[in-house]
Amino acid sequence: MDNGKWTHDRLVAVCHLNGEDIGRLIVAAGLARDCPRFSGGRYTGADTAARRALPFPRHCKRKE
């Protein structure tokens, strides 16, 4: 099923397993960062632990 968006020749979508947003779980576990430029800030609330442990890529900052 293709219901996501294409960006830079890659499919971008939100994935769920048993009703849980997998991206939110990964960000909350500190294994990834929310990239608000592409997520629209979807995982900002889950990003607290990851923010302290991982660097924030420049390409993730929102364009003004």
N, C-alpha and C. Protein backbone atom coordinates (compact mmCIF):
# COMPACT_ATOMS: atom_id res chain seq x y z
N MET A 1 0.86 -1.17 0.00
CA MET A 1 0.00 0.00 0.00
C MET A 1 0.90 1.23 0.00
N ASP A 2 0.64 2.15 -0.88
CA ASP A 2 1.44 3.38 -1.00
C ASP A 2 0.55 4.57 -0.67
N ASN A 3 0.60 5.04 0.58
CA ASN A 3 -0.18 6.22 0.95
C ASN A 3 0.70 7.30 1.56
N GLY A 4 2.01 7.17 1.36
CA GLY A 4 2.94 8.17 1.88
C GLY A 4 3.29 9.20 0.82
N LYS A 5 4.27 10.03 1.12
CA LYS A 5 4.73 11.07 0.20
C LYS A 5 6.11 10.67 -0.31
N TRP A 6 6.43 11.14 -1.49
CA TRP A 6 7.76 10.92 -2.05
C TRP A 6 8.59 12.17 -1.87
N THR A 7 9.81 12.03 -1.37
CA THR A 7 10.73 13.14 -1.24
C THR A 7 12.13 12.62 -1.53
N HIS A 8 12.86 13.33 -2.36
CA HIS A 8 14.22 12.91 -2.73
C HIS A 8 14.23 11.46 -3.21
N ASP A 9 13.21 11.08 -4.00
CA ASP A 9 13.08 9.72 -4.54
C ASP A 9 12.94 8.65 -3.46
N ARG A 10 12.46 9.04 -2.28
CA ARG A 10 12.21 8.08 -1.20
C ARG A 10 10.79 8.24 -0.71
N LEU A 11 10.17 7.13 -0.37
CA LEU A 11 8.83 7.15 0.20
C LEU A 11 8.92 7.50 1.68
N VAL A 12 8.13 8.47 2.10
CA VAL A 12 8.09 8.88 3.50
C VAL A 12 6.67 8.63 4.01
N ALA A 13 6.56 7.87 5.09
CA ALA A 13 5.25 7.52 5.61
C ALA A 13 5.33 7.32 7.12
N VAL A 14 4.19 7.29 7.77
CA VAL A 14 4.09 6.96 9.19
C VAL A 14 3.70 5.49 9.27
N CYS A 15 4.46 4.72 10.03
CA CYS A 15 4.21 3.28 10.15
C CYS A 15 3.70 2.96 11.55
N HIS A 16 2.70 2.09 11.60
CA HIS A 16 2.12 1.67 12.88
C HIS A 16 2.21 0.16 13.02
N LEU A 17 2.35 -0.29 14.25
CA LEU A 17 2.31 -1.71 14.58
C LEU A 17 1.46 -1.85 15.83
N ASN A 18 0.39 -2.60 15.72
CA ASN A 18 -0.55 -2.77 16.85
C ASN A 18 -1.01 -1.43 17.40
N GLY A 19 -1.25 -0.46 16.51
CA GLY A 19 -1.75 0.85 16.91
C GLY A 19 -0.70 1.81 17.42
N GLU A 20 0.55 1.39 17.52
CA GLU A 20 1.64 2.26 18.00
C GLU A 20 2.40 2.84 16.82
N ASP A 21 2.70 4.12 16.89
CA ASP A 21 3.51 4.79 15.87
C ASP A 21 4.97 4.36 16.08
N ILE A 22 5.51 3.61 15.15
CA ILE A 22 6.87 3.07 15.29
C ILE A 22 7.90 4.19 15.37
N GLY A 23 7.73 5.24 14.59
CA GLY A 23 8.65 6.37 14.63
C GLY A 23 8.70 7.01 16.01
N ARG A 24 7.54 7.18 16.64
CA ARG A 24 7.49 7.77 17.99
C ARG A 24 8.22 6.87 18.99
N LEU A 25 8.05 5.57 18.87
CA LEU A 25 8.73 4.64 19.78
C LEU A 25 10.24 4.72 19.61
N ILE A 26 10.71 4.82 18.38
CA ILE A 26 12.15 4.89 18.11
C ILE A 26 12.73 6.19 18.65
N VAL A 27 12.02 7.30 18.44
CA VAL A 27 12.48 8.60 18.94
C VAL A 27 12.47 8.61 20.47
N ALA A 28 11.40 8.10 21.07
CA ALA A 28 11.29 8.09 22.54
C ALA A 28 12.37 7.22 23.18
N ALA A 29 12.81 6.19 22.46
CA ALA A 29 13.86 5.31 22.99
C ALA A 29 15.25 5.93 22.86
N GLY A 30 15.34 7.08 22.20
CA GLY A 30 16.63 7.75 22.04
C GLY A 30 17.45 7.21 20.89
N LEU A 31 16.82 6.45 19.99
CA LEU A 31 17.53 5.85 18.86
C LEU A 31 17.47 6.72 17.62
N ALA A 32 16.67 7.78 17.66
CA ALA A 32 16.53 8.68 16.51
C ALA A 32 16.10 10.04 17.02
N ARG A 33 16.18 11.04 16.16
CA ARG A 33 15.73 12.40 16.47
C ARG A 33 14.51 12.72 15.64
N ASP A 34 13.65 13.58 16.16
CA ASP A 34 12.58 14.14 15.35
C ASP A 34 13.21 15.13 14.40
N CYS A 35 12.88 15.04 13.14
CA CYS A 35 13.39 15.96 12.13
C CYS A 35 12.20 16.84 11.71
N PRO A 36 11.95 17.95 12.45
CA PRO A 36 10.73 18.73 12.24
C PRO A 36 10.57 19.28 10.84
N ARG A 37 11.65 19.49 10.14
CA ARG A 37 11.54 19.98 8.76
C ARG A 37 10.72 19.01 7.91
N PHE A 38 10.84 17.72 8.19
CA PHE A 38 10.13 16.72 7.41
C PHE A 38 8.93 16.13 8.14
N SER A 39 8.97 16.10 9.47
CA SER A 39 7.86 15.50 10.23
C SER A 39 6.79 16.50 10.60
N GLY A 40 7.10 17.79 10.45
CA GLY A 40 6.16 18.81 10.90
C GLY A 40 6.11 18.88 12.43
N GLY A 41 7.11 18.30 13.09
CA GLY A 41 7.16 18.30 14.55
C GLY A 41 6.37 17.18 15.19
N ARG A 42 6.01 16.19 14.41
CA ARG A 42 5.18 15.09 14.87
C ARG A 42 5.71 14.43 16.15
N TYR A 43 7.03 14.34 16.31
CA TYR A 43 7.62 13.62 17.44
C TYR A 43 8.32 14.54 18.44
N THR A 44 8.03 15.82 18.40
CA THR A 44 8.70 16.78 19.27
C THR A 44 8.58 16.39 20.74
N GLY A 45 7.44 15.98 21.19
CA GLY A 45 7.24 15.61 22.58
C GLY A 45 8.00 14.36 22.99
N ALA A 46 8.28 13.49 22.04
CA ALA A 46 8.99 12.24 22.33
C ALA A 46 10.50 12.41 22.24
N ASP A 47 10.96 13.56 21.77
CA ASP A 47 12.36 13.78 21.42
C ASP A 47 13.25 14.13 22.61
N THR A 48 12.75 14.22 23.81
CA THR A 48 13.52 14.72 24.94
C THR A 48 14.78 13.90 25.22
N ALA A 49 14.66 12.60 25.38
CA ALA A 49 15.84 11.76 25.68
C ALA A 49 16.81 11.75 24.51
N ALA A 50 16.31 11.66 23.31
CA ALA A 50 17.17 11.61 22.13
C ALA A 50 17.91 12.93 21.95
N ARG A 51 17.27 14.02 22.30
CA ARG A 51 17.88 15.34 22.12
C ARG A 51 19.19 15.44 22.91
N ARG A 52 19.24 14.84 24.07
CA ARG A 52 20.45 14.90 24.90
C ARG A 52 21.54 13.97 24.38
N ALA A 53 21.19 12.90 23.71
CA ALA A 53 22.16 11.88 23.34
C ALA A 53 22.68 11.99 21.90
N LEU A 54 21.89 12.50 20.99
CA LEU A 54 22.26 12.52 19.57
C LEU A 54 22.39 13.94 19.04
N PRO A 55 23.33 14.17 18.12
CA PRO A 55 23.44 15.50 17.51
C PRO A 55 22.23 15.77 16.63
N PHE A 56 21.93 17.05 16.45
CA PHE A 56 20.80 17.45 15.61
C PHE A 56 21.31 17.83 14.23
N PRO A 57 20.98 17.07 13.20
CA PRO A 57 21.46 17.36 11.85
C PRO A 57 20.96 18.71 11.34
N ARG A 58 21.83 19.44 10.67
CA ARG A 58 21.44 20.75 10.12
C ARG A 58 20.29 20.64 9.15
N HIS A 59 20.24 19.56 8.37
CA HIS A 59 19.18 19.44 7.36
C HIS A 59 17.80 19.23 7.98
N CYS A 60 17.74 18.98 9.28
CA CYS A 60 16.45 18.78 9.94
C CYS A 60 15.82 20.07 10.44
N LYS A 61 16.60 21.13 10.51
CA LYS A 61 16.05 22.40 10.99
C LYS A 61 15.04 22.92 9.98
N ARG A 62 13.97 23.49 10.50
CA ARG A 62 12.93 24.04 9.62
C ARG A 62 13.49 25.22 8.84
N LYS A 63 13.10 25.29 7.59
CA LYS A 63 13.49 26.45 6.78
C LYS A 63 12.56 27.59 7.13
N GLU A 64 13.14 28.73 7.36
CA GLU A 64 12.35 29.92 7.73
C GLU A 64 11.74 30.55 6.51
